[in-house]
Structures are given as C-alpha cells and as structure tokens.
Amino acid sequence: MSKERARRRAERLAVLEREKTVRARRVARRERRRAFLKNLRPRFGRDGRLYHRSRRQRIGIVVVTLLAVAAVWTLIPDTALRIILTAMLVLAVPALVVVVLGRRH
C-alpha cells in the first residue's frame, strides 16, 4: 500500500513540476514581450513632447520660416510659383530643423 501511495505522490509531484515549468515559461514569455513592447514605445519627457527645443530655438525656427516665406512672396512675381515654393518650404522646414539642430532627447 505504501508503494502505491509513493507512486501516486511521485506522479502528482511530476504533474505539478510540469505545470510549474509551463507557467514559468509563460511568465517569462510575457515579461519578454512586455519589455520588447516597452522599448518600442517612444519616450516622452515630463511635458509630453518627444523632442525638446528651447524657446529661443522654437522662436528662431518660426522667424526664419516666416522670413523665407516673406522673401518668396516679395521677390517672386508669379503667384503659382509663390504657392509652390511656400508649400515646399512648409514641407522642408521640419527636415531642415532636424538636420541643422539635430534630435535632442
């Protein structure tokens, strides 16, 4: 009788050990997935912005852009060309800002 109990106990322990291993694998997989997804999300600063520019930099970007648009509208006589150049400026300014000032975290 005691051999039978010992065999059943050993089977129970083996089943519990397998369940424990499966559970540990699931938890490890979940943690790896959470860590991976956490690294994919962009990191925001305390104020909620991705990239920080000083007030002087932001004002400089706006002033230079407005001066360029004003120069286009005063120096170029053709209205269609003015509109095209203004649109190109609006599209190119973000790329130029990143190239000139770089990305700051």
C-alpha atoms as a PDB file:
ATOM      1  CA  MET A   1       0.000   0.000   0.000  1.00  0.00           C
ATOM      2  CA  SER A   2       2.779   2.473   0.838  1.00  0.00           C
ATOM      3  CA  LYS A   3       4.453   1.765  -2.508  1.00  0.00           C
ATOM      4  CA  GLU A   4       1.210   2.690  -4.248  1.00  0.00           C
ATOM      5  CA  ARG A   5       0.934   5.947  -2.272  1.00  0.00           C
ATOM      6  CA  ALA A   6       4.556   6.775  -3.020  1.00  0.00           C
ATOM      7  CA  ARG A   7       3.982   6.153  -6.740  1.00  0.00           C
ATOM      8  CA  ARG A   8       0.855   8.377  -6.760  1.00  0.00           C
ATOM      9  CA  ARG A   9       2.691  11.088  -4.844  1.00  0.00           C
ATOM     10  CA  ALA A  10       5.556  10.903  -7.339  1.00  0.00           C
ATOM     11  CA  GLU A  11       3.070  11.209 -10.229  1.00  0.00           C
ATOM     12  CA  ARG A  12       1.378  14.195  -8.558  1.00  0.00           C
ATOM     13  CA  LEU A  13       4.719  15.854  -7.955  1.00  0.00           C
ATOM     14  CA  ALA A  14       5.756  15.241 -11.570  1.00  0.00           C
ATOM     15  CA  VAL A  15       2.498  16.780 -12.846  1.00  0.00           C
ATOM     16  CA  LEU A  16       2.917  19.769 -10.520  1.00  0.00           C
ATOM     17  CA  GLU A  17       6.504  20.209 -11.653  1.00  0.00           C
ATOM     18  CA  ARG A  18       5.469  20.170 -15.330  1.00  0.00           C
ATOM     19  CA  GLU A  19       2.705  22.725 -14.653  1.00  0.00           C
ATOM     20  CA  LYS A  20       5.170  24.888 -12.764  1.00  0.00           C
ATOM     21  CA  THR A  21       7.610  24.761 -15.679  1.00  0.00           C
ATOM     22  CA  VAL A  22       4.892  25.639 -18.197  1.00  0.00           C
ATOM     23  CA  ARG A  23       3.704  28.528 -16.009  1.00  0.00           C
ATOM     24  CA  ALA A  24       7.272  29.802 -15.605  1.00  0.00           C
ATOM     25  CA  ARG A  25       7.754  29.715 -19.401  1.00  0.00           C
ATOM     26  CA  ARG A  26       4.510  31.650 -19.931  1.00  0.00           C
ATOM     27  CA  VAL A  27       5.509  34.281 -17.379  1.00  0.00           C
ATOM     28  CA  ALA A  28       8.971  34.606 -18.907  1.00  0.00           C
ATOM     29  CA  ARG A  29       7.497  34.947 -22.408  1.00  0.00           C
ATOM     30  CA  ARG A  30       5.013  37.569 -21.183  1.00  0.00           C
ATOM     31  CA  GLU A  31       7.804  39.551 -19.498  1.00  0.00           C
ATOM     32  CA  ARG A  32       9.984  39.424 -22.627  1.00  0.00           C
ATOM     33  CA  ARG A  33       7.052  40.590 -24.753  1.00  0.00           C
ATOM     34  CA  ARG A  34       6.284  43.457 -22.315  1.00  0.00           C
ATOM     35  CA  ALA A  35       9.929  44.525 -22.269  1.00  0.00           C
ATOM     36  CA  PHE A  36      10.080  44.435 -26.071  1.00  0.00           C
ATOM     37  CA  LEU A  37       6.890  46.483 -26.433  1.00  0.00           C
ATOM     38  CA  LYS A  38       8.081  48.931 -23.799  1.00  0.00           C
ATOM     39  CA  ASN A  39      11.253  49.522 -25.804  1.00  0.00           C
ATOM     40  CA  LEU A  40       9.207  50.124 -28.976  1.00  0.00           C
ATOM     41  CA  ARG A  41       7.170  52.953 -27.460  1.00  0.00           C
ATOM     42  CA  PRO A  42       8.658  56.407 -27.789  1.00  0.00           C
ATOM     43  CA  ARG A  43       9.832  58.017 -24.596  1.00  0.00           C
ATOM     44  CA  PHE A  44       8.142  61.271 -23.777  1.00  0.00           C
ATOM     45  CA  GLY A  45       9.531  63.911 -21.493  1.00  0.00           C
ATOM     46  CA  ARG A  46       7.733  65.242 -18.449  1.00  0.00           C
ATOM     47  CA  ASP A  47       5.870  67.744 -20.581  1.00  0.00           C
ATOM     48  CA  GLY A  48       4.705  65.131 -23.103  1.00  0.00           C
ATOM     49  CA  ARG A  49       6.942  66.081 -26.025  1.00  0.00           C
ATOM     50  CA  LEU A  50       9.252  63.720 -27.874  1.00  0.00           C
ATOM     51  CA  TYR A  51      11.972  66.198 -28.759  1.00  0.00           C
ATOM     52  CA  HIS A  52      12.725  69.281 -26.745  1.00  0.00           C
ATOM     53  CA  ARG A  53      13.661  72.605 -28.235  1.00  0.00           C
ATOM     54  CA  SER A  54      14.431  75.679 -26.225  1.00  0.00           C
ATOM     55  CA  ARG A  55      12.160  78.679 -26.509  1.00  0.00           C
ATOM     56  CA  ARG A  56      14.865  80.544 -28.479  1.00  0.00           C
ATOM     57  CA  GLN A  57      15.177  77.661 -30.939  1.00  0.00           C
ATOM     58  CA  ARG A  58      11.417  77.462 -31.497  1.00  0.00           C
ATOM     59  CA  ILE A  59      11.163  81.233 -31.987  1.00  0.00           C
ATOM     60  CA  GLY A  60      14.152  81.128 -34.358  1.00  0.00           C
ATOM     61  CA  ILE A  61      12.563  78.367 -36.428  1.00  0.00           C
ATOM     62  CA  VAL A  62       9.317  80.330 -36.774  1.00  0.00           C
ATOM     63  CA  VAL A  63      11.052  83.629 -37.551  1.00  0.00           C
ATOM     64  CA  VAL A  64      13.378  82.149 -40.181  1.00  0.00           C
ATOM     65  CA  THR A  65      10.474  80.318 -41.813  1.00  0.00           C
ATOM     66  CA  LEU A  66       8.325  83.457 -41.892  1.00  0.00           C
ATOM     67  CA  LEU A  67      11.235  85.481 -43.319  1.00  0.00           C
ATOM     68  CA  ALA A  68      11.747  82.884 -46.051  1.00  0.00           C
ATOM     69  CA  VAL A  69       8.032  82.916 -46.915  1.00  0.00           C
ATOM     70  CA  ALA A  70       8.027  86.721 -46.931  1.00  0.00           C
ATOM     71  CA  ALA A  71      11.070  86.728 -49.235  1.00  0.00           C
ATOM     72  CA  VAL A  72       9.347  84.303 -51.601  1.00  0.00           C
ATOM     73  CA  TRP A  73       6.185  86.425 -51.716  1.00  0.00           C
ATOM     74  CA  THR A  74       8.033  89.712 -52.230  1.00  0.00           C
ATOM     75  CA  LEU A  75      10.752  88.641 -54.676  1.00  0.00           C
ATOM     76  CA  ILE A  76       8.872  86.236 -56.971  1.00  0.00           C
ATOM     77  CA  PRO A  77       6.234  87.733 -59.267  1.00  0.00           C
ATOM     78  CA  ASP A  78       4.420  84.553 -60.391  1.00  0.00           C
ATOM     79  CA  THR A  79       1.642  83.550 -57.956  1.00  0.00           C
ATOM     80  CA  ALA A  80       1.700  79.859 -58.845  1.00  0.00           C
ATOM     81  CA  LEU A  81       5.437  79.704 -58.198  1.00  0.00           C
ATOM     82  CA  ARG A  82       4.947  81.553 -54.899  1.00  0.00           C
ATOM     83  CA  ILE A  83       2.417  78.958 -53.743  1.00  0.00           C
ATOM     84  CA  ILE A  84       4.634  76.062 -54.832  1.00  0.00           C
ATOM     85  CA  LEU A  85       7.709  77.488 -53.077  1.00  0.00           C
ATOM     86  CA  THR A  86       5.708  78.217 -49.924  1.00  0.00           C
ATOM     87  CA  ALA A  87       4.418  74.636 -49.870  1.00  0.00           C
ATOM     88  CA  MET A  88       7.952  73.331 -50.396  1.00  0.00           C
ATOM     89  CA  LEU A  89       9.178  75.485 -47.507  1.00  0.00           C
ATOM     90  CA  VAL A  90       6.455  74.190 -45.217  1.00  0.00           C
ATOM     91  CA  LEU A  91       7.351  70.614 -46.119  1.00  0.00           C
ATOM     92  CA  ALA A  92      11.118  71.118 -45.930  1.00  0.00           C
ATOM     93  CA  VAL A  93      11.364  73.076 -42.665  1.00  0.00           C
ATOM     94  CA  PRO A  94      10.951  70.060 -40.319  1.00  0.00           C
ATOM     95  CA  ALA A  95      13.678  68.128 -42.132  1.00  0.00           C
ATOM     96  CA  LEU A  96      15.983  71.137 -42.145  1.00  0.00           C
ATOM     97  CA  VAL A  97      15.417  71.711 -38.436  1.00  0.00           C
ATOM     98  CA  VAL A  98      16.437  68.126 -37.676  1.00  0.00           C
ATOM     99  CA  VAL A  99      19.492  68.386 -39.928  1.00  0.00           C
ATOM    100  CA  VAL A 100      20.633  71.737 -38.548  1.00  0.00           C
ATOM    101  CA  LEU A 101      19.691  71.414 -34.876  1.00  0.00           C
ATOM    102  CA  GLY A 102      19.700  67.635 -34.517  1.00  0.00           C
ATOM    103  CA  ARG A 103      17.413  65.487 -32.410  1.00  0.00           C
ATOM    104  CA  ARG A 104      17.646  66.162 -28.728  1.00  0.00           C
ATOM    105  CA  HIS A 105      16.067  63.860 -26.163  1.00  0.00           C
END
